[in-house]
């Protein structure tokens, strides 16, 4: 089956069965075979899945192969979901080409074999496709980034991932005391000898009315969502389908400008999407990359400019939305796992966020 028109899902997405320690977990590369170029963080991530989480990783043909075709990547996904001995699926990393895999998905096969899927960034494509198939998935935790973090895995990330992998029920998100978004060179073994640099977190910033919103999540990478909107993939034509949901967004190491962020949100507003979500969780923006090594002042200015761009879009299209900024989701360390299509409670009175894994 191909993904021609966006699909309606009259039944709320359901949580698939969770794995248990000792189970097998599929490791796939639906976007890019970067494990083949950077084996150090990848092998470290696999070791931690075995030693710290008790899971047995299972690799597929395209997992370490750069330049694999969309068909090869789709075939790996089908093999992972069809295998009854595999209890969960995790992306090795993101990329920028996963949108080409969507038309090749065997949706009936996946619908008949629902499993927890973990990934973020370009994996927004699959997260949204699975949500439309009625499966709750998990935004966060890739093998190379979070599990392959130099020196040690961030304890907050590990706690969130462990809860999302193995438990059902509420999990309260809390602001990080310290965070980081400066990365070393994965090709340099010395990168993995010490902790990544961190700095004080500063807490969340709340904006909008003091009220409680409960709903199912939708969103992910802002840049990837813009591509999906342009390609008319997986987005409902009737924005009423998202009424009452909790929107969550984050930006990547591409460091989109504040103007670009506003323009994407403006276009979502013009489409009638923004006003449908009474709550927004905005991920702490990544402000540094190996290609743009911003100073601390430049990092802080970038984050401030992005927040102002988001607030400008909300003022124009969703003035009654409860917004929370600098939530530790997406391209940041630590990273909290967000259930995609799952239930979230945003308490603007008590200033608390609780997800349901």
C-alpha atoms as a PDB file:
ATOM      1  CA  UNK A   1       0.000   0.000   0.000  1.00  0.00           C
ATOM      2  CA  UNK A   2       1.265   3.495  -0.773  1.00  0.00           C
ATOM      3  CA  UNK A   3       0.751   6.785   1.013  1.00  0.00           C
ATOM      4  CA  UNK A   4      -1.150   8.782  -1.561  1.00  0.00           C
ATOM      5  CA  UNK A   5      -3.600  10.895   0.444  1.00  0.00           C
ATOM      6  CA  UNK A   6      -3.438  11.680   4.172  1.00  0.00           C
ATOM      7  CA  UNK A   7      -5.325   9.101   6.225  1.00  0.00           C
ATOM      8  CA  UNK A   8      -8.037   9.686   8.767  1.00  0.00           C
ATOM      9  CA  UNK A   9      -7.828   7.939  12.110  1.00  0.00           C
ATOM     10  CA  UNK A  10     -11.217   8.022  13.848  1.00  0.00           C
ATOM     11  CA  UNK A  11      -9.923   5.782  16.642  1.00  0.00           C
ATOM     12  CA  UNK A  12      -7.312   7.269  18.971  1.00  0.00           C
ATOM     13  CA  UNK A  13      -3.838   5.719  18.607  1.00  0.00           C
ATOM     14  CA  UNK A  14      -3.235   2.785  20.951  1.00  0.00           C
ATOM     15  CA  UNK A  15      -0.144   1.917  22.956  1.00  0.00           C
ATOM     16  CA  UNK A  16       1.486  -1.266  21.623  1.00  0.00           C
ATOM     17  CA  UNK A  17       2.880  -3.906  23.979  1.00  0.00           C
ATOM     18  CA  UNK A  18       6.226  -3.007  25.545  1.00  0.00           C
ATOM     19  CA  UNK A  19       9.422  -5.084  25.466  1.00  0.00           C
ATOM     20  CA  UNK A  20      10.972  -6.638  28.554  1.00  0.00           C
ATOM     21  CA  UNK A  21      14.662  -6.992  29.435  1.00  0.00           C
ATOM     22  CA  UNK A  22      16.046  -9.881  27.413  1.00  0.00           C
ATOM     23  CA  UNK A  23      13.908  -9.111  24.351  1.00  0.00           C
ATOM     24  CA  UNK A  24      15.189  -8.260  20.882  1.00  0.00           C
ATOM     25  CA  UNK A  25      15.028  -4.683  19.566  1.00  0.00           C
ATOM     26  CA  UNK A  26      15.358  -3.846  15.871  1.00  0.00           C
ATOM     27  CA  UNK A  27      17.925  -1.178  14.943  1.00  0.00           C
ATOM     28  CA  UNK A  28      17.100   0.459  11.618  1.00  0.00           C
ATOM     29  CA  UNK A  29      18.382   3.400   9.569  1.00  0.00           C
ATOM     30  CA  UNK A  30      15.292   4.701   7.730  1.00  0.00           C
ATOM     31  CA  UNK A  31      17.030   8.004   6.885  1.00  0.00           C
ATOM     32  CA  UNK A  32      20.785   7.536   6.655  1.00  0.00           C
ATOM     33  CA  UNK A  33      23.364   4.794   7.148  1.00  0.00           C
ATOM     34  CA  UNK A  34      25.609   6.958   9.327  1.00  0.00           C
ATOM     35  CA  UNK A  35      26.521   3.994  11.588  1.00  0.00           C
ATOM     36  CA  UNK A  36      28.755   2.906   8.717  1.00  0.00           C
ATOM     37  CA  UNK A  37      30.640   6.221   8.756  1.00  0.00           C
ATOM     38  CA  UNK A  38      30.774   6.730  12.526  1.00  0.00           C
ATOM     39  CA  UNK A  39      31.014   3.351  14.251  1.00  0.00           C
ATOM     40  CA  UNK A  40      32.245   4.738  17.603  1.00  0.00           C
ATOM     41  CA  UNK A  41      28.963   6.252  18.893  1.00  0.00           C
ATOM     42  CA  UNK A  42      26.972   3.522  17.179  1.00  0.00           C
ATOM     43  CA  UNK A  43      28.824   0.602  18.801  1.00  0.00           C
ATOM     44  CA  UNK A  44      28.732   2.418  22.146  1.00  0.00           C
ATOM     45  CA  UNK A  45      24.970   2.801  21.816  1.00  0.00           C
ATOM     46  CA  UNK A  46      24.536  -0.887  21.004  1.00  0.00           C
ATOM     47  CA  UNK A  47      26.641  -1.846  24.026  1.00  0.00           C
ATOM     48  CA  UNK A  48      24.484   0.290  26.298  1.00  0.00           C
ATOM     49  CA  UNK A  49      21.294  -1.242  24.947  1.00  0.00           C
ATOM     50  CA  UNK A  50      22.705  -4.638  25.923  1.00  0.00           C
ATOM     51  CA  UNK A  51      24.404  -3.782  29.205  1.00  0.00           C
ATOM     52  CA  UNK A  52      22.241  -1.013  30.681  1.00  0.00           C
ATOM     53  CA  UNK A  53      18.808  -1.885  29.267  1.00  0.00           C
ATOM     54  CA  UNK A  54      19.124  -5.650  28.835  1.00  0.00           C
ATOM     55  CA  UNK A  55      17.929  -5.643  25.220  1.00  0.00           C
ATOM     56  CA  UNK A  56      19.444  -7.514  22.282  1.00  0.00           C
ATOM     57  CA  UNK A  57      19.892  -5.290  19.189  1.00  0.00           C
ATOM     58  CA  UNK A  58      19.079  -6.777  15.791  1.00  0.00           C
ATOM     59  CA  UNK A  59      20.562  -5.078  12.719  1.00  0.00           C
ATOM     60  CA  UNK A  60      19.287  -5.134   9.148  1.00  0.00           C
ATOM     61  CA  UNK A  61      20.839  -4.880   5.692  1.00  0.00           C
ATOM     62  CA  UNK A  62      20.750  -1.092   5.387  1.00  0.00           C
ATOM     63  CA  UNK A  63      21.484  -0.219   9.014  1.00  0.00           C
ATOM     64  CA  UNK A  64      25.166   0.553   8.366  1.00  0.00           C
ATOM     65  CA  UNK A  65      24.960   1.210   4.625  1.00  0.00           C
ATOM     66  CA  UNK A  66      25.344   4.743   3.298  1.00  0.00           C
ATOM     67  CA  UNK A  67      23.510   5.345   0.042  1.00  0.00           C
ATOM     68  CA  UNK A  68      20.870   2.678   0.571  1.00  0.00           C
ATOM     69  CA  UNK A  69      17.737   3.079  -1.521  1.00  0.00           C
ATOM     70  CA  UNK A  70      14.345   4.010  -0.100  1.00  0.00           C
ATOM     71  CA  UNK A  71      13.157   0.514  -1.031  1.00  0.00           C
ATOM     72  CA  UNK A  72      15.974  -1.110   0.953  1.00  0.00           C
ATOM     73  CA  UNK A  73      15.181   1.029   3.980  1.00  0.00           C
ATOM     74  CA  UNK A  74      11.461   0.245   3.685  1.00  0.00           C
ATOM     75  CA  UNK A  75      12.253  -3.466   3.423  1.00  0.00           C
ATOM     76  CA  UNK A  76      14.218  -3.262   6.683  1.00  0.00           C
ATOM     77  CA  UNK A  77      11.252  -1.652   8.402  1.00  0.00           C
ATOM     78  CA  UNK A  78       8.915  -4.341   7.109  1.00  0.00           C
ATOM     79  CA  UNK A  79      11.269  -7.086   8.307  1.00  0.00           C
ATOM     80  CA  UNK A  80      11.524  -5.475  11.739  1.00  0.00           C
ATOM     81  CA  UNK A  81       7.782  -5.082  12.232  1.00  0.00           C
ATOM     82  CA  UNK A  82       6.938  -8.511  10.807  1.00  0.00           C
ATOM     83  CA  UNK A  83       9.385 -10.439  13.024  1.00  0.00           C
ATOM     84  CA  UNK A  84       7.425 -11.719  16.049  1.00  0.00           C
ATOM     85  CA  UNK A  85      10.641 -12.072  18.084  1.00  0.00           C
ATOM     86  CA  UNK A  86      11.362  -8.331  17.785  1.00  0.00           C
ATOM     87  CA  UNK A  87       9.489  -6.357  20.460  1.00  0.00           C
ATOM     88  CA  UNK A  88      10.504  -2.756  19.645  1.00  0.00           C
ATOM     89  CA  UNK A  89      12.138  -0.751  16.856  1.00  0.00           C
ATOM     90  CA  UNK A  90      14.695   2.060  17.252  1.00  0.00           C
ATOM     91  CA  UNK A  91      16.312   4.346  14.695  1.00  0.00           C
ATOM     92  CA  UNK A  92      20.085   4.512  14.613  1.00  0.00           C
ATOM     93  CA  UNK A  93      19.926   8.242  13.828  1.00  0.00           C
ATOM     94  CA  UNK A  94      18.033  10.744  11.692  1.00  0.00           C
ATOM     95  CA  UNK A  95      18.959  12.316   8.369  1.00  0.00           C
ATOM     96  CA  UNK A  96      17.032  14.123   5.644  1.00  0.00           C
ATOM     97  CA  UNK A  97      15.665  11.506   3.222  1.00  0.00           C
ATOM     98  CA  UNK A  98      13.056   9.524   5.134  1.00  0.00           C
ATOM     99  CA  UNK A  99      10.191  11.202   3.311  1.00  0.00           C
ATOM    100  CA  UNK A 100      11.096   9.071   0.251  1.00  0.00           C
ATOM    101  CA  UNK A 101      10.417   5.904   2.263  1.00  0.00           C
ATOM    102  CA  UNK A 102       6.828   6.803   3.163  1.00  0.00           C
ATOM    103  CA  UNK A 103       5.216   5.884  -0.202  1.00  0.00           C
ATOM    104  CA  UNK A 104       6.836   2.418  -0.012  1.00  0.00           C
ATOM    105  CA  UNK A 105       5.513   1.408   3.397  1.00  0.00           C
ATOM    106  CA  UNK A 106       3.327  -1.672   3.642  1.00  0.00           C
ATOM    107  CA  UNK A 107       0.860  -0.064   5.984  1.00  0.00           C
ATOM    108  CA  UNK A 108      -1.319  -3.118   6.481  1.00  0.00           C
ATOM    109  CA  UNK A 109       1.719  -5.147   7.559  1.00  0.00           C
ATOM    110  CA  UNK A 110       2.680  -2.500  10.103  1.00  0.00           C
ATOM    111  CA  UNK A 111      -0.890  -2.039  11.315  1.00  0.00           C
ATOM    112  CA  UNK A 112      -1.137  -5.792  11.885  1.00  0.00           C
ATOM    113  CA  UNK A 113       2.151  -5.864  13.817  1.00  0.00           C
ATOM    114  CA  UNK A 114       2.257  -2.702  15.961  1.00  0.00           C
ATOM    115  CA  UNK A 115       5.425  -2.127  17.998  1.00  0.00           C
ATOM    116  CA  UNK A 116       6.950   0.764  19.928  1.00  0.00           C
ATOM    117  CA  UNK A 117       9.129   2.831  17.593  1.00  0.00           C
ATOM    118  CA  UNK A 118      11.771   5.240  18.925  1.00  0.00           C
ATOM    119  CA  UNK A 119      13.383   8.069  16.979  1.00  0.00           C
ATOM    120  CA  UNK A 120      13.298  11.819  16.399  1.00  0.00           C
ATOM    121  CA  UNK A 121      14.424  14.502  13.936  1.00  0.00           C
ATOM    122  CA  UNK A 122      13.915  13.065  10.408  1.00  0.00           C
ATOM    123  CA  UNK A 123      12.109  10.142  12.047  1.00  0.00           C
ATOM    124  CA  UNK A 124       9.180  12.551  12.438  1.00  0.00           C
ATOM    125  CA  UNK A 125       8.130  11.047   9.100  1.00  0.00           C
ATOM    126  CA  UNK A 126       7.672   7.572  10.554  1.00  0.00           C
ATOM    127  CA  UNK A 127       6.324   8.804  13.865  1.00  0.00           C
ATOM    128  CA  UNK A 128       3.525  10.611  12.079  1.00  0.00           C
ATOM    129  CA  UNK A 129       2.867   7.739   9.663  1.00  0.00           C
ATOM    130  CA  UNK A 130       2.588   5.308  12.571  1.00  0.00           C
ATOM    131  CA  UNK A 131       0.322   7.687  14.474  1.00  0.00           C
ATOM    132  CA  UNK A 132      -1.962   7.736  11.451  1.00  0.00           C
ATOM    133  CA  UNK A 133      -1.991   3.928  11.538  1.00  0.00           C
ATOM    134  CA  UNK A 134      -3.239   4.022  15.120  1.00  0.00           C
ATOM    135  CA  UNK A 135       0.073   3.307  16.859  1.00  0.00           C
ATOM    136  CA  UNK A 136       1.502   5.376  19.720  1.00  0.00           C
ATOM    137  CA  UNK A 137       5.244   5.792  19.190  1.00  0.00           C
ATOM    138  CA  UNK A 138       8.061   7.648  20.960  1.00  0.00           C
ATOM    139  CA  UNK A 139       9.820  10.846  19.938  1.00  0.00           C
ATOM    140  CA  UNK A 140      13.359  10.512  21.242  1.00  0.00           C
ATOM    141  CA  UNK A 141      16.265   8.167  21.852  1.00  0.00           C
ATOM    142  CA  UNK A 142      18.404   7.241  18.865  1.00  0.00           C
ATOM    143  CA  UNK A 143      21.267   4.780  19.138  1.00  0.00           C
ATOM    144  CA  UNK A 144      24.055   7.130  18.041  1.00  0.00           C
ATOM    145  CA  UNK A 145      23.028  10.333  19.805  1.00  0.00           C
ATOM    146  CA  UNK A 146      21.455   9.518  23.176  1.00  0.00           C
ATOM    147  CA  UNK A 147      22.691   5.969  23.762  1.00  0.00           C
ATOM    148  CA  UNK A 148      26.052   6.757  22.140  1.00  0.00           C
ATOM    149  CA  UNK A 149      26.645   9.899  24.195  1.00  0.00           C
ATOM    150  CA  UNK A 150      30.355  10.279  25.033  1.00  0.00           C
ATOM    151  CA  UNK A 151      31.624   8.998  28.383  1.00  0.00           C
ATOM    152  CA  UNK A 152      28.264   8.213  29.997  1.00  0.00           C
ATOM    153  CA  UNK A 153      24.608   8.300  29.065  1.00  0.00           C
ATOM    154  CA  UNK A 154      22.847  11.297  30.595  1.00  0.00           C
ATOM    155  CA  UNK A 155      20.974   9.961  33.678  1.00  0.00           C
ATOM    156  CA  UNK A 156      17.840  12.001  32.905  1.00  0.00           C
ATOM    157  CA  UNK A 157      17.771  10.663  29.355  1.00  0.00           C
ATOM    158  CA  UNK A 158      18.311   7.113  30.574  1.00  0.00           C
ATOM    159  CA  UNK A 159      15.518   7.373  33.152  1.00  0.00           C
ATOM    160  CA  UNK A 160      13.028   8.718  30.615  1.00  0.00           C
ATOM    161  CA  UNK A 161      13.987   6.106  28.013  1.00  0.00           C
ATOM    162  CA  UNK A 162      13.773   3.264  30.518  1.00  0.00           C
ATOM    163  CA  UNK A 163      10.286   4.352  31.548  1.00  0.00           C
ATOM    164  CA  UNK A 164       9.158   4.726  27.929  1.00  0.00           C
ATOM    165  CA  UNK A 165      10.616   1.357  26.922  1.00  0.00           C
ATOM    166  CA  UNK A 166       9.399  -0.813  29.755  1.00  0.00           C
ATOM    167  CA  UNK A 167       6.505   0.820  31.635  1.00  0.00           C
ATOM    168  CA  UNK A 168       2.937   1.959  31.083  1.00  0.00           C
ATOM    169  CA  UNK A 169       1.520   4.958  32.910  1.00  0.00           C
ATOM    170  CA  UNK A 170       2.226   8.576  33.864  1.00  0.00           C
ATOM    171  CA  UNK A 171       5.718  10.066  33.918  1.00  0.00           C
ATOM    172  CA  UNK A 172       6.318  13.634  35.032  1.00  0.00           C
ATOM    173  CA  UNK A 173       8.747  15.702  32.992  1.00  0.00           C
ATOM    174  CA  UNK A 174      10.955  18.091  34.942  1.00  0.00           C
ATOM    175  CA  UNK A 175      13.356  20.823  33.775  1.00  0.00           C
ATOM    176  CA  UNK A 176      17.022  19.906  33.552  1.00  0.00           C
ATOM    177  CA  UNK A 177      19.380  21.556  36.034  1.00  0.00           C
ATOM    178  CA  UNK A 178      22.073  21.509  33.344  1.00  0.00           C
ATOM    179  CA  UNK A 179      21.953  20.949  29.612  1.00  0.00           C
ATOM    180  CA  UNK A 180      24.260  20.891  26.619  1.00  0.00           C
ATOM    181  CA  UNK A 181      24.145  21.070  22.838  1.00  0.00           C
ATOM    182  CA  UNK A 182      27.848  21.220  21.947  1.00  0.00           C
ATOM    183  CA  UNK A 183      29.092  18.030  20.301  1.00  0.00           C
ATOM    184  CA  UNK A 184      32.536  16.602  19.627  1.00  0.00           C
ATOM    185  CA  UNK A 185      33.763  14.993  16.418  1.00  0.00           C
ATOM    186  CA  UNK A 186      32.438  11.425  16.220  1.00  0.00           C
ATOM    187  CA  UNK A 187      35.439  10.423  14.094  1.00  0.00           C
ATOM    188  CA  UNK A 188      37.839  11.314  16.938  1.00  0.00           C
ATOM    189  CA  UNK A 189      38.171   8.642  19.658  1.00  0.00           C
ATOM    190  CA  UNK A 190      39.185  11.356  22.139  1.00  0.00           C
ATOM    191  CA  UNK A 191      35.628  12.726  21.937  1.00  0.00           C
ATOM    192  CA  UNK A 192      34.397   9.758  23.951  1.00  0.00           C
ATOM    193  CA  UNK A 193      36.867  10.133  26.816  1.00  0.00           C
ATOM    194  CA  UNK A 194      35.060  12.974  28.598  1.00  0.00           C
ATOM    195  CA  UNK A 195      31.593  14.324  29.312  1.00  0.00           C
ATOM    196  CA  UNK A 196      30.123  16.791  26.789  1.00  0.00           C
ATOM    197  CA  UNK A 197      30.150  20.398  28.063  1.00  0.00           C
ATOM    198  CA  UNK A 198      27.055  21.401  30.027  1.00  0.00           C
ATOM    199  CA  UNK A 199      25.688  24.691  31.369  1.00  0.00           C
ATOM    200  CA  UNK A 200      22.920  25.742  33.807  1.00  0.00           C
ATOM    201  CA  UNK A 201      19.426  24.968  32.587  1.00  0.00           C
ATOM    202  CA  UNK A 202      17.395  27.919  33.828  1.00  0.00           C
ATOM    203  CA  UNK A 203      14.055  26.066  33.880  1.00  0.00           C
ATOM    204  CA  UNK A 204      11.055  26.310  31.591  1.00  0.00           C
ATOM    205  CA  UNK A 205       9.295  29.482  30.492  1.00  0.00           C
ATOM    206  CA  UNK A 206       5.481  29.431  30.521  1.00  0.00           C
ATOM    207  CA  UNK A 207       3.343  31.679  28.336  1.00  0.00           C
ATOM    208  CA  UNK A 208      -0.385  32.119  27.944  1.00  0.00           C
ATOM    209  CA  UNK A 209      -3.436  31.394  30.065  1.00  0.00           C
ATOM    210  CA  UNK A 210      -3.119  29.482  33.319  1.00  0.00           C
ATOM    211  CA  UNK A 211      -5.219  26.446  32.549  1.00  0.00           C
ATOM    212  CA  UNK A 212      -4.911  22.686  32.217  1.00  0.00           C
ATOM    213  CA  UNK A 213      -4.767  21.007  28.797  1.00  0.00           C
ATOM    214  CA  UNK A 214      -4.953  17.258  28.275  1.00  0.00           C
ATOM    215  CA  UNK A 215      -4.599  15.813  24.810  1.00  0.00           C
ATOM    216  CA  UNK A 216      -2.718  13.571  22.436  1.00  0.00           C
ATOM    217  CA  UNK A 217       0.538  14.783  20.970  1.00  0.00           C
ATOM    218  CA  UNK A 218       1.339  15.767  17.402  1.00  0.00           C
ATOM    219  CA  UNK A 219       4.423  17.478  15.999  1.00  0.00           C
ATOM    220  CA  UNK A 220       8.139  16.721  16.065  1.00  0.00           C
ATOM    221  CA  UNK A 221      10.839  18.338  13.967  1.00  0.00           C
ATOM    222  CA  UNK A 222       9.612  21.694  12.696  1.00  0.00           C
ATOM    223  CA  UNK A 223      11.755  21.484   9.568  1.00  0.00           C
ATOM    224  CA  UNK A 224      10.594  17.952   8.722  1.00  0.00           C
ATOM    225  CA  UNK A 225       6.953  18.870   9.282  1.00  0.00           C
ATOM    226  CA  UNK A 226       7.409  21.703   6.783  1.00  0.00           C
ATOM    227  CA  UNK A 227       8.702  19.206   4.207  1.00  0.00           C
ATOM    228  CA  UNK A 228       5.762  16.897   4.851  1.00  0.00           C
ATOM    229  CA  UNK A 229       3.346  19.775   4.423  1.00  0.00           C
ATOM    230  CA  UNK A 230       4.966  20.700   1.102  1.00  0.00           C
ATOM    231  CA  UNK A 231       4.899  17.096  -0.125  1.00  0.00           C
ATOM    232  CA  UNK A 232       1.349  16.548   1.190  1.00  0.00           C
ATOM    233  CA  UNK A 233       2.413  13.499   3.188  1.00  0.00           C
ATOM    234  CA  UNK A 234       0.629  12.277   6.319  1.00  0.00           C
ATOM    235  CA  UNK A 235      -0.949  15.645   7.217  1.00  0.00           C
ATOM    236  CA  UNK A 236      -4.735  15.680   7.527  1.00  0.00           C
ATOM    237  CA  UNK A 237      -6.380  18.064   5.070  1.00  0.00           C
ATOM    238  CA  UNK A 238      -8.990  18.985   7.667  1.00  0.00           C
ATOM    239  CA  UNK A 239      -7.209  20.672  10.595  1.00  0.00           C
ATOM    240  CA  UNK A 240     -10.171  19.821  12.817  1.00  0.00           C
ATOM    241  CA  UNK A 241      -8.619  16.333  13.072  1.00  0.00           C
ATOM    242  CA  UNK A 242      -6.101  17.805  15.531  1.00  0.00           C
ATOM    243  CA  UNK A 243      -8.580  19.743  17.666  1.00  0.00           C
ATOM    244  CA  UNK A 244      -7.647  19.673  21.352  1.00  0.00           C
ATOM    245  CA  UNK A 245      -4.243  18.061  20.868  1.00  0.00           C
ATOM    246  CA  UNK A 246      -0.885  19.014  22.363  1.00  0.00           C
ATOM    247  CA  UNK A 247       1.567  20.315  19.793  1.00  0.00           C
ATOM    248  CA  UNK A 248       5.274  19.784  20.405  1.00  0.00           C
ATOM    249  CA  UNK A 249       8.030  21.132  18.179  1.00  0.00           C
ATOM    250  CA  UNK A 250      11.818  21.278  18.063  1.00  0.00           C
ATOM    251  CA  UNK A 251      14.535  22.480  15.697  1.00  0.00           C
ATOM    252  CA  UNK A 252      17.703  20.733  14.574  1.00  0.00           C
ATOM    253  CA  UNK A 253      21.434  21.187  14.166  1.00  0.00           C
ATOM    254  CA  UNK A 254      20.671  22.956  10.883  1.00  0.00           C
ATOM    255  CA  UNK A 255      19.932  25.962  13.137  1.00  0.00           C
ATOM    256  CA  UNK A 256      17.063  27.474  11.127  1.00  0.00           C
ATOM    257  CA  UNK A 257      16.848  31.241  11.440  1.00  0.00           C
ATOM    258  CA  UNK A 258      14.180  32.892  13.572  1.00  0.00           C
ATOM    259  CA  UNK A 259      12.603  34.235  10.385  1.00  0.00           C
ATOM    260  CA  UNK A 260      12.412  30.730   8.930  1.00  0.00           C
ATOM    261  CA  UNK A 261      10.864  29.368  12.128  1.00  0.00           C
ATOM    262  CA  UNK A 262       8.258  32.118  12.055  1.00  0.00           C
ATOM    263  CA  UNK A 263       7.500  31.508   8.384  1.00  0.00           C
ATOM    264  CA  UNK A 264       6.878  27.785   8.937  1.00  0.00           C
ATOM    265  CA  UNK A 265       4.608  28.506  11.893  1.00  0.00           C
ATOM    266  CA  UNK A 266       2.869  31.300   9.981  1.00  0.00           C
ATOM    267  CA  UNK A 267       2.102  28.891   7.151  1.00  0.00           C
ATOM    268  CA  UNK A 268       0.808  26.318   9.627  1.00  0.00           C
ATOM    269  CA  UNK A 269      -1.354  29.076  11.045  1.00  0.00           C
ATOM    270  CA  UNK A 270      -2.671  30.012   7.611  1.00  0.00           C
ATOM    271  CA  UNK A 271      -3.564  26.367   7.095  1.00  0.00           C
ATOM    272  CA  UNK A 272      -5.593  26.467  10.309  1.00  0.00           C
ATOM    273  CA  UNK A 273      -3.341  24.117  12.237  1.00  0.00           C
ATOM    274  CA  UNK A 274      -1.932  26.232  15.065  1.00  0.00           C
ATOM    275  CA  UNK A 275      -5.292  27.291  16.451  1.00  0.00           C
ATOM    276  CA  UNK A 276      -6.325  23.647  16.887  1.00  0.00           C
ATOM    277  CA  UNK A 277      -3.752  23.006  19.615  1.00  0.00           C
ATOM    278  CA  UNK A 278      -4.541  24.530  23.028  1.00  0.00           C
ATOM    279  CA  UNK A 279      -1.020  23.702  24.242  1.00  0.00           C
ATOM    280  CA  UNK A 280       2.474  23.839  22.754  1.00  0.00           C
ATOM    281  CA  UNK A 281       5.644  22.274  24.133  1.00  0.00           C
ATOM    282  CA  UNK A 282       8.605  23.971  22.441  1.00  0.00           C
ATOM    283  CA  UNK A 283      11.844  22.043  22.704  1.00  0.00           C
ATOM    284  CA  UNK A 284      15.020  23.719  23.871  1.00  0.00           C
ATOM    285  CA  UNK A 285      16.650  24.808  20.610  1.00  0.00           C
ATOM    286  CA  UNK A 286      20.000  23.492  19.538  1.00  0.00           C
ATOM    287  CA  UNK A 287      22.214  26.559  19.201  1.00  0.00           C
ATOM    288  CA  UNK A 288      25.595  25.122  18.174  1.00  0.00           C
ATOM    289  CA  UNK A 289      26.889  22.740  15.533  1.00  0.00           C
ATOM    290  CA  UNK A 290      30.233  21.663  14.128  1.00  0.00           C
ATOM    291  CA  UNK A 291      29.469  23.873  11.125  1.00  0.00           C
ATOM    292  CA  UNK A 292      28.341  26.858  13.219  1.00  0.00           C
ATOM    293  CA  UNK A 293      30.374  27.061  16.400  1.00  0.00           C
ATOM    294  CA  UNK A 294      28.501  29.883  18.054  1.00  0.00           C
ATOM    295  CA  UNK A 295      29.877  31.719  21.060  1.00  0.00           C
ATOM    296  CA  UNK A 296      27.887  31.587  24.309  1.00  0.00           C
ATOM    297  CA  UNK A 297      26.440  35.021  23.532  1.00  0.00           C
ATOM    298  CA  UNK A 298      25.486  33.919  20.023  1.00  0.00           C
ATOM    299  CA  UNK A 299      23.874  30.786  21.434  1.00  0.00           C
ATOM    300  CA  UNK A 300      21.776  32.785  23.873  1.00  0.00           C
ATOM    301  CA  UNK A 301      20.780  35.295  21.193  1.00  0.00           C
ATOM    302  CA  UNK A 302      19.752  32.488  18.851  1.00  0.00           C
ATOM    303  CA  UNK A 303      17.514  30.932  21.515  1.00  0.00           C
ATOM    304  CA  UNK A 304      15.962  34.292  22.394  1.00  0.00           C
ATOM    305  CA  UNK A 305      15.273  35.140  18.746  1.00  0.00           C
ATOM    306  CA  UNK A 306      13.630  31.767  18.160  1.00  0.00           C
ATOM    307  CA  UNK A 307      11.363  32.156  21.185  1.00  0.00           C
ATOM    308  CA  UNK A 308      10.275  35.595  20.005  1.00  0.00           C
ATOM    309  CA  UNK A 309       9.508  34.172  16.558  1.00  0.00           C
ATOM    310  CA  UNK A 310       7.315  31.465  18.082  1.00  0.00           C
ATOM    311  CA  UNK A 311       5.531  33.983  20.296  1.00  0.00           C
ATOM    312  CA  UNK A 312       4.894  36.210  17.275  1.00  0.00           C
ATOM    313  CA  UNK A 313       3.252  33.323  15.419  1.00  0.00           C
ATOM    314  CA  UNK A 314       1.162  32.349  18.450  1.00  0.00           C
ATOM    315  CA  UNK A 315       0.006  35.936  18.915  1.00  0.00           C
ATOM    316  CA  UNK A 316      -1.206  36.009  15.327  1.00  0.00           C
ATOM    317  CA  UNK A 317      -2.785  32.561  15.053  1.00  0.00           C
ATOM    318  CA  UNK A 318      -3.217  30.939  18.491  1.00  0.00           C
ATOM    319  CA  UNK A 319      -3.304  33.613  21.205  1.00  0.00           C
ATOM    320  CA  UNK A 320      -5.063  31.330  23.699  1.00  0.00           C
ATOM    321  CA  UNK A 321      -2.487  28.538  23.495  1.00  0.00           C
ATOM    322  CA  UNK A 322      -0.572  27.574  26.643  1.00  0.00           C
ATOM    323  CA  UNK A 323       3.081  27.462  25.570  1.00  0.00           C
ATOM    324  CA  UNK A 324       6.067  26.045  27.439  1.00  0.00           C
ATOM    325  CA  UNK A 325       9.556  26.883  26.184  1.00  0.00           C
ATOM    326  CA  UNK A 326      12.888  25.102  26.699  1.00  0.00           C
ATOM    327  CA  UNK A 327      11.360  21.690  27.320  1.00  0.00           C
ATOM    328  CA  UNK A 328      14.157  19.118  27.142  1.00  0.00           C
ATOM    329  CA  UNK A 329      13.013  17.357  23.995  1.00  0.00           C
ATOM    330  CA  UNK A 330      14.628  16.948  20.601  1.00  0.00           C
ATOM    331  CA  UNK A 331      18.226  17.937  19.821  1.00  0.00           C
ATOM    332  CA  UNK A 332      19.304  18.632  23.389  1.00  0.00           C
ATOM    333  CA  UNK A 333      21.040  16.835  26.233  1.00  0.00           C
ATOM    334  CA  UNK A 334      19.367  15.556  28.353  1.00  0.00           C
ATOM    335  CA  UNK A 335      16.552  14.464  26.109  1.00  0.00           C
ATOM    336  CA  UNK A 336      13.126  13.492  27.429  1.00  0.00           C
ATOM    337  CA  UNK A 337      11.087  10.994  25.433  1.00  0.00           C
ATOM    338  CA  UNK A 338       7.681  12.274  24.294  1.00  0.00           C
ATOM    339  CA  UNK A 339       4.935   9.745  23.442  1.00  0.00           C
ATOM    340  CA  UNK A 340       3.850  10.503  19.871  1.00  0.00           C
ATOM    341  CA  UNK A 341       0.082  10.251  19.702  1.00  0.00           C
ATOM    342  CA  UNK A 342       0.108   9.477  23.404  1.00  0.00           C
ATOM    343  CA  UNK A 343      -1.507  11.375  26.230  1.00  0.00           C
ATOM    344  CA  UNK A 344       0.020  14.486  27.803  1.00  0.00           C
ATOM    345  CA  UNK A 345      -1.237  16.752  30.576  1.00  0.00           C
ATOM    346  CA  UNK A 346       0.015  20.345  30.476  1.00  0.00           C
ATOM    347  CA  UNK A 347      -0.879  21.996  33.778  1.00  0.00           C
ATOM    348  CA  UNK A 348      -0.517  25.746  33.350  1.00  0.00           C
ATOM    349  CA  UNK A 349      -1.734  26.317  36.911  1.00  0.00           C
ATOM    350  CA  UNK A 350       0.746  24.107  38.754  1.00  0.00           C
ATOM    351  CA  UNK A 351       3.411  24.456  36.014  1.00  0.00           C
ATOM    352  CA  UNK A 352       3.716  20.702  35.515  1.00  0.00           C
ATOM    353  CA  UNK A 353       3.900  18.423  32.470  1.00  0.00           C
ATOM    354  CA  UNK A 354       2.992  14.751  32.692  1.00  0.00           C
ATOM    355  CA  UNK A 355       3.196  12.322  29.787  1.00  0.00           C
ATOM    356  CA  UNK A 356       1.735   8.838  29.616  1.00  0.00           C
ATOM    357  CA  UNK A 357       4.144   6.144  28.446  1.00  0.00           C
END
